[in-house]
Amino acid sequence: MGTATGLMLRSAYSRDAEREADDAALDILQRAGIRTSGVVSVFKRFSTELPELPKSLKLFSSHPLSEDRAARLSAEATTSGRDAMSAEDWKSIQNMCGAAEKKKKQQPDLSVAVL
């Protein structure tokens, strides 16, 4: 019981730290003149693409739920401002990631032991 209580208290502290980090990210982007709505989009994407924790484990999570983060930040995020990078730079990153994925698929899986 004491271990569970300690975990919940540490998790709550960690969730508060994550909220502060989210707020700091918005502040940094706003000061740089960069549109902040992308932060909300990331958390919405996380909430749909990542597996959901069982209810019994949510109390012990060190991070706030992604859908909660998106909802909280959407009140502060703005669509005004510039893009974080040019369309050309973004395309270059996508190409690099695509090339890395293709290369990964071509390499044999060496993590499986051969008997």
PDB file of N, CA and C in Angstrom:
ATOM      1  N   MET A   1       0.826  -1.192   0.000  1.00  0.00           N
ATOM      2  CA  MET A   1       0.000   0.000   0.000  1.00  0.00           C
ATOM      3  C   MET A   1       0.870   1.257   0.000  1.00  0.00           C
ATOM      4  N   GLY A   2       1.943   1.223   0.804  1.00  0.00           N
ATOM      5  CA  GLY A   2       2.849   2.367   0.864  1.00  0.00           C
ATOM      6  C   GLY A   2       3.550   2.609  -0.453  1.00  0.00           C
ATOM      7  N   THR A   3       3.934   1.536  -1.141  1.00  0.00           N
ATOM      8  CA  THR A   3       4.598   1.659  -2.443  1.00  0.00           C
ATOM      9  C   THR A   3       3.652   2.277  -3.466  1.00  0.00           C
ATOM     10  N   ALA A   4       2.409   1.810  -3.478  1.00  0.00           N
ATOM     11  CA  ALA A   4       1.417   2.353  -4.410  1.00  0.00           C
ATOM     12  C   ALA A   4       1.178   3.832  -4.151  1.00  0.00           C
ATOM     13  N   THR A   5       1.085   4.210  -2.884  1.00  0.00           N
ATOM     14  CA  THR A   5       0.887   5.620  -2.533  1.00  0.00           C
ATOM     15  C   THR A   5       2.069   6.456  -2.993  1.00  0.00           C
ATOM     16  N   GLY A   6       3.281   5.956  -2.753  1.00  0.00           N
ATOM     17  CA  GLY A   6       4.474   6.674  -3.196  1.00  0.00           C
ATOM     18  C   GLY A   6       4.515   6.838  -4.697  1.00  0.00           C
ATOM     19  N   LEU A   7       4.145   5.793  -5.428  1.00  0.00           N
ATOM     20  CA  LEU A   7       4.103   5.863  -6.893  1.00  0.00           C
ATOM     21  C   LEU A   7       3.100   6.909  -7.364  1.00  0.00           C
ATOM     22  N   MET A   8       1.931   6.930  -6.739  1.00  0.00           N
ATOM     23  CA  MET A   8       0.905   7.901  -7.139  1.00  0.00           C
ATOM     24  C   MET A   8       1.371   9.321  -6.867  1.00  0.00           C
ATOM     25  N   LEU A   9       2.026   9.547  -5.742  1.00  0.00           N
ATOM     26  CA  LEU A   9       2.510  10.897  -5.422  1.00  0.00           C
ATOM     27  C   LEU A   9       3.598  11.333  -6.396  1.00  0.00           C
ATOM     28  N   ARG A  10       4.530  10.434  -6.703  1.00  0.00           N
ATOM     29  CA  ARG A  10       5.589  10.767  -7.667  1.00  0.00           C
ATOM     30  C   ARG A  10       5.006  10.992  -9.054  1.00  0.00           C
ATOM     31  N   SER A  11       4.008  10.183  -9.424  1.00  0.00           N
ATOM     32  CA  SER A  11       3.376  10.332 -10.734  1.00  0.00           C
ATOM     33  C   SER A  11       2.677  11.676 -10.850  1.00  0.00           C
ATOM     34  N   ALA A  12       1.994  12.086  -9.780  1.00  0.00           N
ATOM     35  CA  ALA A  12       1.311  13.384  -9.793  1.00  0.00           C
ATOM     36  C   ALA A  12       2.321  14.507  -9.963  1.00  0.00           C
ATOM     37  N   TYR A  13       3.449  14.400  -9.270  1.00  0.00           N
ATOM     38  CA  TYR A  13       4.509  15.409  -9.406  1.00  0.00           C
ATOM     39  C   TYR A  13       5.026  15.430 -10.838  1.00  0.00           C
ATOM     40  N   SER A  14       5.251  14.254 -11.430  1.00  0.00           N
ATOM     41  CA  SER A  14       5.738  14.171 -12.803  1.00  0.00           C
ATOM     42  C   SER A  14       4.728  14.766 -13.785  1.00  0.00           C
ATOM     43  N   ARG A  15       3.454  14.515 -13.557  1.00  0.00           N
ATOM     44  CA  ARG A  15       2.416  15.075 -14.440  1.00  0.00           C
ATOM     45  C   ARG A  15       2.423  16.599 -14.361  1.00  0.00           C
ATOM     46  N   ASP A  16       2.623  17.136 -13.153  1.00  0.00           N
ATOM     47  CA  ASP A  16       2.721  18.592 -13.008  1.00  0.00           C
ATOM     48  C   ASP A  16       3.925  19.125 -13.778  1.00  0.00           C
ATOM     49  N   ALA A  17       5.044  18.418 -13.707  1.00  0.00           N
ATOM     50  CA  ALA A  17       6.246  18.833 -14.436  1.00  0.00           C
ATOM     51  C   ALA A  17       5.995  18.794 -15.946  1.00  0.00           C
ATOM     52  N   GLU A  18       5.260  17.799 -16.419  1.00  0.00           N
ATOM     53  CA  GLU A  18       4.933  17.712 -17.848  1.00  0.00           C
ATOM     54  C   GLU A  18       4.030  18.868 -18.268  1.00  0.00           C
ATOM     55  N   ARG A  19       3.085  19.242 -17.424  1.00  0.00           N
ATOM     56  CA  ARG A  19       2.220  20.392 -17.732  1.00  0.00           C
ATOM     57  C   ARG A  19       3.056  21.675 -17.823  1.00  0.00           C
ATOM     58  N   GLU A  20       4.000  21.829 -16.905  1.00  0.00           N
ATOM     59  CA  GLU A  20       4.889  22.988 -16.951  1.00  0.00           C
ATOM     60  C   GLU A  20       5.721  22.983 -18.231  1.00  0.00           C
ATOM     61  N   ALA A  21       6.184  21.815 -18.630  1.00  0.00           N
ATOM     62  CA  ALA A  21       6.968  21.711 -19.863  1.00  0.00           C
ATOM     63  C   ALA A  21       6.111  22.070 -21.081  1.00  0.00           C
ATOM     64  N   ASP A  22       4.859  21.618 -21.094  1.00  0.00           N
ATOM     65  CA  ASP A  22       3.949  21.970 -22.191  1.00  0.00           C
ATOM     66  C   ASP A  22       3.759  23.482 -22.265  1.00  0.00           C
ATOM     67  N   ASP A  23       3.542  24.102 -21.104  1.00  0.00           N
ATOM     68  CA  ASP A  23       3.369  25.556 -21.059  1.00  0.00           C
ATOM     69  C   ASP A  23       4.629  26.274 -21.535  1.00  0.00           C
ATOM     70  N   ALA A  24       5.784  25.765 -21.131  1.00  0.00           N
ATOM     71  CA  ALA A  24       7.055  26.368 -21.551  1.00  0.00           C
ATOM     72  C   ALA A  24       7.231  26.245 -23.061  1.00  0.00           C
ATOM     73  N   ALA A  25       6.835  25.103 -23.619  1.00  0.00           N
ATOM     74  CA  ALA A  25       6.940  24.915 -25.072  1.00  0.00           C
ATOM     75  C   ALA A  25       6.087  25.946 -25.812  1.00  0.00           C
ATOM     76  N   LEU A  26       4.856  26.135 -25.344  1.00  0.00           N
ATOM     77  CA  LEU A  26       3.994  27.146 -25.979  1.00  0.00           C
ATOM     78  C   LEU A  26       4.616  28.531 -25.880  1.00  0.00           C
ATOM     79  N   ASP A  27       5.140  28.849 -24.721  1.00  0.00           N
ATOM     80  CA  ASP A  27       5.756  30.160 -24.497  1.00  0.00           C
ATOM     81  C   ASP A  27       6.946  30.373 -25.426  1.00  0.00           C
ATOM     82  N   ILE A  28       7.803  29.374 -25.541  1.00  0.00           N
ATOM     83  CA  ILE A  28       8.990  29.481 -26.398  1.00  0.00           C
ATOM     84  C   ILE A  28       8.581  29.666 -27.853  1.00  0.00           C
ATOM     85  N   LEU A  29       7.609  28.880 -28.302  1.00  0.00           N
ATOM     86  CA  LEU A  29       7.146  29.009 -29.692  1.00  0.00           C
ATOM     87  C   LEU A  29       6.518  30.373 -29.944  1.00  0.00           C
ATOM     88  N   GLN A  30       5.700  30.839 -29.004  1.00  0.00           N
ATOM     89  CA  GLN A  30       5.059  32.145 -29.168  1.00  0.00           C
ATOM     90  C   GLN A  30       6.095  33.261 -29.229  1.00  0.00           C
ATOM     91  N   ARG A  31       7.093  33.198 -28.360  1.00  0.00           N
ATOM     92  CA  ARG A  31       8.148  34.224 -28.366  1.00  0.00           C
ATOM     93  C   ARG A  31       8.946  34.218 -29.666  1.00  0.00           C
ATOM     94  N   ALA A  32       9.054  33.038 -30.277  1.00  0.00           N
ATOM     95  CA  ALA A  32       9.786  32.920 -31.538  1.00  0.00           C
ATOM     96  C   ALA A  32       8.909  33.273 -32.735  1.00  0.00           C
ATOM     97  N   GLY A  33       7.624  33.537 -32.481  1.00  0.00           N
ATOM     98  CA  GLY A  33       6.705  33.884 -33.568  1.00  0.00           C
ATOM     99  C   GLY A  33       6.253  32.687 -34.376  1.00  0.00           C
ATOM    100  N   ILE A  34       6.353  31.484 -33.772  1.00  0.00           N
ATOM    101  CA  ILE A  34       5.973  30.251 -34.462  1.00  0.00           C
ATOM    102  C   ILE A  34       4.573  29.836 -34.022  1.00  0.00           C
ATOM    103  N   ARG A  35       3.779  29.398 -34.974  1.00  0.00           N
ATOM    104  CA  ARG A  35       2.413  28.951 -34.706  1.00  0.00           C
ATOM    105  C   ARG A  35       2.432  27.819 -33.677  1.00  0.00           C
ATOM    106  N   THR A  36       1.569  27.877 -32.672  1.00  0.00           N
ATOM    107  CA  THR A  36       1.585  26.901 -31.581  1.00  0.00           C
ATOM    108  C   THR A  36       0.525  25.807 -31.713  1.00  0.00           C
ATOM    109  N   SER A  37      -0.323  25.902 -32.709  1.00  0.00           N
ATOM    110  CA  SER A  37      -1.391  24.901 -32.860  1.00  0.00           C
ATOM    111  C   SER A  37      -0.841  23.513 -33.161  1.00  0.00           C
ATOM    112  N   GLY A  38       0.374  23.433 -33.652  1.00  0.00           N
ATOM    113  CA  GLY A  38       0.979  22.134 -33.934  1.00  0.00           C
ATOM    114  C   GLY A  38       1.178  21.294 -32.683  1.00  0.00           C
ATOM    115  N   VAL A  39       1.402  21.945 -31.548  1.00  0.00           N
ATOM    116  CA  VAL A  39       1.575  21.218 -30.294  1.00  0.00           C
ATOM    117  C   VAL A  39       0.296  20.446 -29.970  1.00  0.00           C
ATOM    118  N   VAL A  40      -0.834  21.080 -30.168  1.00  0.00           N
ATOM    119  CA  VAL A  40      -2.123  20.436 -29.919  1.00  0.00           C
ATOM    120  C   VAL A  40      -2.307  19.266 -30.886  1.00  0.00           C
ATOM    121  N   SER A  41      -1.939  19.477 -32.141  1.00  0.00           N
ATOM    122  CA  SER A  41      -2.063  18.409 -33.146  1.00  0.00           C
ATOM    123  C   SER A  41      -1.251  17.180 -32.772  1.00  0.00           C
ATOM    124  N   VAL A  42      -0.066  17.396 -32.232  1.00  0.00           N
ATOM    125  CA  VAL A  42       0.785  16.270 -31.830  1.00  0.00           C
ATOM    126  C   VAL A  42       0.104  15.443 -30.748  1.00  0.00           C
ATOM    127  N   PHE A  43      -0.443  16.107 -29.731  1.00  0.00           N
ATOM    128  CA  PHE A  43      -1.090  15.358 -28.652  1.00  0.00           C
ATOM    129  C   PHE A  43      -2.372  14.683 -29.116  1.00  0.00           C
ATOM    130  N   LYS A  44      -3.102  15.303 -30.040  1.00  0.00           N
ATOM    131  CA  LYS A  44      -4.286  14.643 -30.605  1.00  0.00           C
ATOM    132  C   LYS A  44      -3.868  13.385 -31.361  1.00  0.00           C
ATOM    133  N   ARG A  45      -2.777  13.492 -32.098  1.00  0.00           N
ATOM    134  CA  ARG A  45      -2.279  12.334 -32.843  1.00  0.00           C
ATOM    135  C   ARG A  45      -1.830  11.227 -31.888  1.00  0.00           C
ATOM    136  N   PHE A  46      -1.111  11.595 -30.829  1.00  0.00           N
ATOM    137  CA  PHE A  46      -0.694  10.610 -29.832  1.00  0.00           C
ATOM    138  C   PHE A  46      -1.908   9.882 -29.261  1.00  0.00           C
ATOM    139  N   SER A  47      -2.969  10.638 -28.979  1.00  0.00           N
ATOM    140  CA  SER A  47      -4.138  10.033 -28.321  1.00  0.00           C
ATOM    141  C   SER A  47      -4.847   9.038 -29.239  1.00  0.00           C
ATOM    142  N   THR A  48      -4.720   9.202 -30.552  1.00  0.00           N
ATOM    143  CA  THR A  48      -5.378   8.267 -31.462  1.00  0.00           C
ATOM    144  C   THR A  48      -4.459   7.137 -31.914  1.00  0.00           C
ATOM    145  N   GLU A  49      -3.144   7.384 -31.942  1.00  0.00           N
ATOM    146  CA  GLU A  49      -2.230   6.377 -32.486  1.00  0.00           C
ATOM    147  C   GLU A  49      -1.534   5.517 -31.435  1.00  0.00           C
ATOM    148  N   LEU A  50      -1.431   6.003 -30.217  1.00  0.00           N
ATOM    149  CA  LEU A  50      -0.758   5.223 -29.182  1.00  0.00           C
ATOM    150  C   LEU A  50      -1.778   4.410 -28.400  1.00  0.00           C
ATOM    151  N   PRO A  51      -1.388   3.239 -27.935  1.00  0.00           N
ATOM    152  CA  PRO A  51      -2.351   2.425 -27.180  1.00  0.00           C
ATOM    153  C   PRO A  51      -2.746   3.109 -25.879  1.00  0.00           C
ATOM    154  N   GLU A  52      -4.001   2.937 -25.516  1.00  0.00           N
ATOM    155  CA  GLU A  52      -4.511   3.560 -24.292  1.00  0.00           C
ATOM    156  C   GLU A  52      -4.166   2.688 -23.088  1.00  0.00           C
ATOM    157  N   LEU A  53      -3.790   3.338 -22.008  1.00  0.00           N
ATOM    158  CA  LEU A  53      -3.500   2.621 -20.760  1.00  0.00           C
ATOM    159  C   LEU A  53      -4.794   2.097 -20.154  1.00  0.00           C
ATOM    160  N   PRO A  54      -4.738   0.940 -19.527  1.00  0.00           N
ATOM    161  CA  PRO A  54      -5.916   0.484 -18.786  1.00  0.00           C
ATOM    162  C   PRO A  54      -6.218   1.471 -17.654  1.00  0.00           C
ATOM    163  N   LYS A  55      -7.483   1.619 -17.316  1.00  0.00           N
ATOM    164  CA  LYS A  55      -7.886   2.576 -16.269  1.00  0.00           C
ATOM    165  C   LYS A  55      -7.093   2.384 -14.981  1.00  0.00           C
ATOM    166  N   SER A  56      -6.826   1.140 -14.627  1.00  0.00           N
ATOM    167  CA  SER A  56      -6.139   0.861 -13.368  1.00  0.00           C
ATOM    168  C   SER A  56      -4.711   1.409 -13.352  1.00  0.00           C
ATOM    169  N   LEU A  57      -4.107   1.620 -14.518  1.00  0.00           N
ATOM    170  CA  LEU A  57      -2.731   2.108 -14.571  1.00  0.00           C
ATOM    171  C   LEU A  57      -2.627   3.617 -14.792  1.00  0.00           C
ATOM    172  N   LYS A  58      -3.709   4.258 -15.156  1.00  0.00           N
ATOM    173  CA  LYS A  58      -3.664   5.691 -15.444  1.00  0.00           C
ATOM    174  C   LYS A  58      -3.231   6.520 -14.240  1.00  0.00           C
ATOM    175  N   LEU A  59      -3.569   6.060 -13.051  1.00  0.00           N
ATOM    176  CA  LEU A  59      -3.176   6.779 -11.834  1.00  0.00           C
ATOM    177  C   LEU A  59      -1.665   6.817 -11.663  1.00  0.00           C
ATOM    178  N   PHE A  60      -0.975   5.819 -12.200  1.00  0.00           N
ATOM    179  CA  PHE A  60       0.471   5.702 -12.014  1.00  0.00           C
ATOM    180  C   PHE A  60       1.268   6.298 -13.175  1.00  0.00           C
ATOM    181  N   SER A  61       0.598   6.794 -14.195  1.00  0.00           N
ATOM    182  CA  SER A  61       1.283   7.347 -15.357  1.00  0.00           C
ATOM    183  C   SER A  61       2.050   8.608 -14.983  1.00  0.00           C
ATOM    184  N   SER A  62       3.267   8.712 -15.490  1.00  0.00           N
ATOM    185  CA  SER A  62       4.081   9.892 -15.194  1.00  0.00           C
ATOM    186  C   SER A  62       3.727  11.073 -16.098  1.00  0.00           C
ATOM    187  N   HIS A  63       2.910  10.838 -17.118  1.00  0.00           N
ATOM    188  CA  HIS A  63       2.516  11.895 -18.045  1.00  0.00           C
ATOM    189  C   HIS A  63       0.997  12.060 -18.022  1.00  0.00           C
ATOM    190  N   PRO A  64       0.531  13.285 -18.206  1.00  0.00           N
ATOM    191  CA  PRO A  64      -0.914  13.471 -18.368  1.00  0.00           C
ATOM    192  C   PRO A  64      -1.372  12.748 -19.636  1.00  0.00           C
ATOM    193  N   LEU A  65      -2.624  12.382 -19.704  1.00  0.00           N
ATOM    194  CA  LEU A  65      -3.138  11.730 -20.904  1.00  0.00           C
ATOM    195  C   LEU A  65      -3.045  12.686 -22.088  1.00  0.00           C
ATOM    196  N   SER A  66      -2.722  12.143 -23.242  1.00  0.00           N
ATOM    197  CA  SER A  66      -2.538  12.978 -24.434  1.00  0.00           C
ATOM    198  C   SER A  66      -3.790  13.775 -24.770  1.00  0.00           C
ATOM    199  N   GLU A  67      -4.970  13.144 -24.645  1.00  0.00           N
ATOM    200  CA  GLU A  67      -6.197  13.892 -24.973  1.00  0.00           C
ATOM    201  C   GLU A  67      -6.428  15.027 -23.985  1.00  0.00           C
ATOM    202  N   ASP A  68      -6.031  14.829 -22.722  1.00  0.00           N
ATOM    203  CA  ASP A  68      -6.151  15.898 -21.727  1.00  0.00           C
ATOM    204  C   ASP A  68      -5.172  17.031 -22.039  1.00  0.00           C
ATOM    205  N   ARG A  69      -3.969  16.671 -22.473  1.00  0.00           N
ATOM    206  CA  ARG A  69      -2.979  17.687 -22.822  1.00  0.00           C
ATOM    207  C   ARG A  69      -3.467  18.507 -24.015  1.00  0.00           C
ATOM    208  N   ALA A  70      -4.013  17.829 -25.016  1.00  0.00           N
ATOM    209  CA  ALA A  70      -4.520  18.529 -26.200  1.00  0.00           C
ATOM    210  C   ALA A  70      -5.647  19.473 -25.825  1.00  0.00           C
ATOM    211  N   ALA A  71      -6.578  19.006 -25.003  1.00  0.00           N
ATOM    212  CA  ALA A  71      -7.712  19.847 -24.602  1.00  0.00           C
ATOM    213  C   ALA A  71      -7.248  21.065 -23.823  1.00  0.00           C
ATOM    214  N   ARG A  72      -6.324  20.854 -22.895  1.00  0.00           N
ATOM    215  CA  ARG A  72      -5.836  21.967 -22.066  1.00  0.00           C
ATOM    216  C   ARG A  72      -5.063  22.984 -22.892  1.00  0.00           C
ATOM    217  N   LEU A  73      -4.225  22.500 -23.795  1.00  0.00           N
ATOM    218  CA  LEU A  73      -3.386  23.407 -24.578  1.00  0.00           C
ATOM    219  C   LEU A  73      -4.154  24.108 -25.702  1.00  0.00           C
ATOM    220  N   SER A  74      -5.233  23.505 -26.158  1.00  0.00           N
ATOM    221  CA  SER A  74      -5.974  24.114 -27.264  1.00  0.00           C
ATOM    222  C   SER A  74      -6.553  25.470 -26.884  1.00  0.00           C
ATOM    223  N   ALA A  75      -6.797  25.680 -25.599  1.00  0.00           N
ATOM    224  CA  ALA A  75      -7.315  26.977 -25.144  1.00  0.00           C
ATOM    225  C   ALA A  75      -6.252  28.074 -25.281  1.00  0.00           C
ATOM    226  N   GLU A  76      -4.977  27.692 -25.258  1.00  0.00           N
ATOM    227  CA  GLU A  76      -3.899  28.675 -25.307  1.00  0.00           C
ATOM    228  C   GLU A  76      -3.185  28.737 -26.660  1.00  0.00           C
ATOM    229  N   ALA A  77      -3.296  27.674 -27.438  1.00  0.00           N
ATOM    230  CA  ALA A  77      -2.581  27.606 -28.710  1.00  0.00           C
ATOM    231  C   ALA A  77      -3.216  28.538 -29.733  1.00  0.00           C
ATOM    232  N   THR A  78      -2.388  29.016 -30.647  1.00  0.00           N
ATOM    233  CA  THR A  78      -2.869  29.927 -31.681  1.00  0.00           C
ATOM    234  C   THR A  78      -2.487  29.413 -33.062  1.00  0.00           C
ATOM    235  N   THR A  79      -3.268  29.840 -34.040  1.00  0.00           N
ATOM    236  CA  THR A  79      -2.946  29.492 -35.425  1.00  0.00           C
ATOM    237  C   THR A  79      -2.173  30.617 -36.099  1.00  0.00           C
ATOM    238  N   SER A  80      -1.955  31.707 -35.372  1.00  0.00           N
ATOM    239  CA  SER A  80      -1.175  32.797 -35.955  1.00  0.00           C
ATOM    240  C   SER A  80       0.307  32.524 -35.740  1.00  0.00           C
ATOM    241  N   GLY A  81       1.101  33.108 -36.577  1.00  0.00           N
ATOM    242  CA  GLY A  81       2.542  32.893 -36.500  1.00  0.00           C
ATOM    243  C   GLY A  81       3.029  32.173 -37.746  1.00  0.00           C
ATOM    244  N   ARG A  82       4.323  31.997 -37.787  1.00  0.00           N
ATOM    245  CA  ARG A  82       4.918  31.366 -38.976  1.00  0.00           C
ATOM    246  C   ARG A  82       5.122  29.877 -38.726  1.00  0.00           C
ATOM    247  N   ASP A  83       5.421  29.174 -39.811  1.00  0.00           N
ATOM    248  CA  ASP A  83       5.762  27.760 -39.705  1.00  0.00           C
ATOM    249  C   ASP A  83       7.102  27.619 -39.005  1.00  0.00           C
ATOM    250  N   ALA A  84       7.309  26.478 -38.349  1.00  0.00           N
ATOM    251  CA  ALA A  84       8.573  26.227 -37.657  1.00  0.00           C
ATOM    252  C   ALA A  84       9.709  26.003 -38.645  1.00  0.00           C
ATOM    253  N   MET A  85       9.394  25.545 -39.856  1.00  0.00           N
ATOM    254  CA  MET A  85      10.409  25.351 -40.896  1.00  0.00           C
ATOM    255  C   MET A  85       9.763  25.531 -42.260  1.00  0.00           C
ATOM    256  N   SER A  86      10.606  25.687 -43.240  1.00  0.00           N
ATOM    257  CA  SER A  86      10.086  25.870 -44.599  1.00  0.00           C
ATOM    258  C   SER A  86       9.529  24.551 -45.125  1.00  0.00           C
ATOM    259  N   ALA A  87       8.674  24.659 -46.142  1.00  0.00           N
ATOM    260  CA  ALA A  87       8.108  23.464 -46.775  1.00  0.00           C
ATOM    261  C   ALA A  87       9.226  22.603 -47.366  1.00  0.00           C
ATOM    262  N   GLU A  88      10.251  23.243 -47.867  1.00  0.00           N
ATOM    263  CA  GLU A  88      11.391  22.518 -48.451  1.00  0.00           C
ATOM    264  C   GLU A  88      12.130  21.716 -47.377  1.00  0.00           C
ATOM    265  N   ASP A  89      12.375  22.334 -46.219  1.00  0.00           N
ATOM    266  CA  ASP A  89      13.043  21.627 -45.125  1.00  0.00           C
ATOM    267  C   ASP A  89      12.192  20.457 -44.629  1.00  0.00           C
ATOM    268  N   TRP A  90      10.896  20.658 -44.511  1.00  0.00           N
ATOM    269  CA  TRP A  90      10.002  19.599 -44.055  1.00  0.00           C
ATOM    270  C   TRP A  90      10.019  18.435 -45.042  1.00  0.00           C
ATOM    271  N   LYS A  91      10.001  18.733 -46.326  1.00  0.00           N
ATOM    272  CA  LYS A  91      10.041  17.682 -47.351  1.00  0.00           C
ATOM    273  C   LYS A  91      11.347  16.902 -47.255  1.00  0.00           C
ATOM    274  N   SER A  92      12.452  17.596 -46.993  1.00  0.00           N
ATOM    275  CA  SER A  92      13.748  16.923 -46.844  1.00  0.00           C
ATOM    276  C   SER A  92      13.723  15.951 -45.671  1.00  0.00           C
ATOM    277  N   ILE A  93      13.124  16.364 -44.559  1.00  0.00           N
ATOM    278  CA  ILE A  93      13.028  15.489 -43.386  1.00  0.00           C
ATOM    279  C   ILE A  93      12.158  14.276 -43.710  1.00  0.00           C
ATOM    280  N   GLN A  94      11.041  14.507 -44.384  1.00  0.00           N
ATOM    281  CA  GLN A  94      10.174  13.394 -44.753  1.00  0.00           C
ATOM    282  C   GLN A  94      10.907  12.409 -45.669  1.00  0.00           C
ATOM    283  N   ASN A  95      11.674  12.933 -46.614  1.00  0.00           N
ATOM    284  CA  ASN A  95      12.434  12.067 -47.513  1.00  0.00           C
ATOM    285  C   ASN A  95      13.472  11.255 -46.747  1.00  0.00           C
ATOM    286  N   MET A  96      14.172  11.911 -45.807  1.00  0.00           N
ATOM    287  CA  MET A  96      15.165  11.187 -45.006  1.00  0.00           C
ATOM    288  C   MET A  96      14.503  10.077 -44.201  1.00  0.00           C
ATOM    289  N   CYS A  97      13.377  10.383 -43.595  1.00  0.00           N
ATOM    290  CA  CYS A  97      12.675   9.375 -42.787  1.00  0.00           C
ATOM    291  C   CYS A  97      12.154   8.248 -43.662  1.00  0.00           C
ATOM    292  N   GLY A  98      11.657   8.582 -44.813  1.00  0.00           N
ATOM    293  CA  GLY A  98      11.176   7.563 -45.751  1.00  0.00           C
ATOM    294  C   GLY A  98      12.306   6.665 -46.208  1.00  0.00           C
ATOM    295  N   ALA A  99      13.457   7.262 -46.481  1.00  0.00           N
ATOM    296  CA  ALA A  99      14.619   6.473 -46.899  1.00  0.00           C
ATOM    297  C   ALA A  99      15.078   5.570 -45.765  1.00  0.00           C
ATOM    298  N   ALA A 100      15.023   6.067 -44.535  1.00  0.00           N
ATOM    299  CA  ALA A 100      15.426   5.266 -43.381  1.00  0.00           C
ATOM    300  C   ALA A 100      14.471   4.092 -43.189  1.00  0.00           C
ATOM    301  N   GLU A 101      13.174   4.319 -43.392  1.00  0.00           N
ATOM    302  CA  GLU A 101      12.194   3.243 -43.246  1.00  0.00           C
ATOM    303  C   GLU A 101      12.399   2.176 -44.322  1.00  0.00           C
ATOM    304  N   LYS A 102      12.659   2.607 -45.560  1.00  0.00           N
ATOM    305  CA  LYS A 102      12.895   1.651 -46.641  1.00  0.00           C
ATOM    306  C   LYS A 102      14.133   0.816 -46.345  1.00  0.00           C
ATOM    307  N   LYS A 103      15.190   1.468 -45.871  1.00  0.00           N
ATOM    308  CA  LYS A 103      16.430   0.773 -45.559  1.00  0.00           C
ATOM    309  C   LYS A 103      16.206  -0.225 -44.424  1.00  0.00           C
ATOM    310  N   LYS A 104      15.425   0.178 -43.416  1.00  0.00           N
ATOM    311  CA  LYS A 104      15.144  -0.690 -42.276  1.00  0.00           C
ATOM    312  C   LYS A 104      14.402  -1.944 -42.736  1.00  0.00           C
ATOM    313  N   LYS A 105      13.472  -1.790 -43.677  1.00  0.00           N
ATOM    314  CA  LYS A 105      12.694  -2.925 -44.178  1.00  0.00           C
ATOM    315  C   LYS A 105      13.568  -3.887 -44.974  1.00  0.00           C
ATOM    316  N   GLN A 106      14.630  -3.376 -45.607  1.00  0.00           N
ATOM    317  CA  GLN A 106      15.491  -4.214 -46.426  1.00  0.00           C
ATOM    318  C   GLN A 106      16.478  -5.012 -45.586  1.00  0.00           C
ATOM    319  N   GLN A 107      16.804  -4.540 -44.394  1.00  0.00           N
ATOM    320  CA  GLN A 107      17.775  -5.232 -43.563  1.00  0.00           C
ATOM    321  C   GLN A 107      17.125  -6.402 -42.842  1.00  0.00           C
ATOM    322  N   PRO A 108      17.872  -7.516 -42.717  1.00  0.00           N
ATOM    323  CA  PRO A 108      17.295  -8.670 -42.011  1.00  0.00           C
ATOM    324  C   PRO A 108      17.162  -8.366 -40.524  1.00  0.00           C
ATOM    325  N   ASP A 109      16.204  -8.989 -39.894  1.00  0.00           N
ATOM    326  CA  ASP A 109      15.992  -8.834 -38.454  1.00  0.00           C
ATOM    327  C   ASP A 109      17.006  -9.688 -37.718  1.00  0.00           C
ATOM    328  N   LEU A 110      18.007  -9.055 -37.143  1.00  0.00           N
ATOM    329  CA  LEU A 110      19.063  -9.774 -36.450  1.00  0.00           C
ATOM    330  C   LEU A 110      18.766  -9.968 -34.973  1.00  0.00           C
ATOM    331  N   SER A 111      17.613  -9.513 -34.539  1.00  0.00           N
ATOM    332  CA  SER A 111      17.284  -9.627 -33.130  1.00  0.00           C
ATOM    333  C   SER A 111      16.785 -11.028 -32.770  1.00  0.00           C
ATOM    334  N   VAL A 112      16.471 -11.826 -33.771  1.00  0.00           N
ATOM    335  CA  VAL A 112      15.985 -13.176 -33.536  1.00  0.00           C
ATOM    336  C   VAL A 112      17.169 -14.133 -33.597  1.00  0.00           C
ATOM    337  N   ALA A 113      17.362 -14.884 -32.551  1.00  0.00           N
ATOM    338  CA  ALA A 113      18.476 -15.826 -32.503  1.00  0.00           C
ATOM    339  C   ALA A 113      18.226 -16.981 -33.464  1.00  0.00           C
ATOM    340  N   VAL A 114      19.247 -17.350 -34.197  1.00  0.00           N
ATOM    341  CA  VAL A 114      19.158 -18.483 -35.117  1.00  0.00           C
ATOM    342  C   VAL A 114      19.707 -19.699 -34.390  1.00  0.00           C
ATOM    343  N   LEU A 115      18.905 -20.766 -34.331  1.00  0.00           N
ATOM    344  CA  LEU A 115      19.344 -21.981 -33.636  1.00  0.00           C
ATOM    345  C   LEU A 115      19.962 -22.957 -34.593  1.00  0.00           C
TER     346      LEU A 115
END
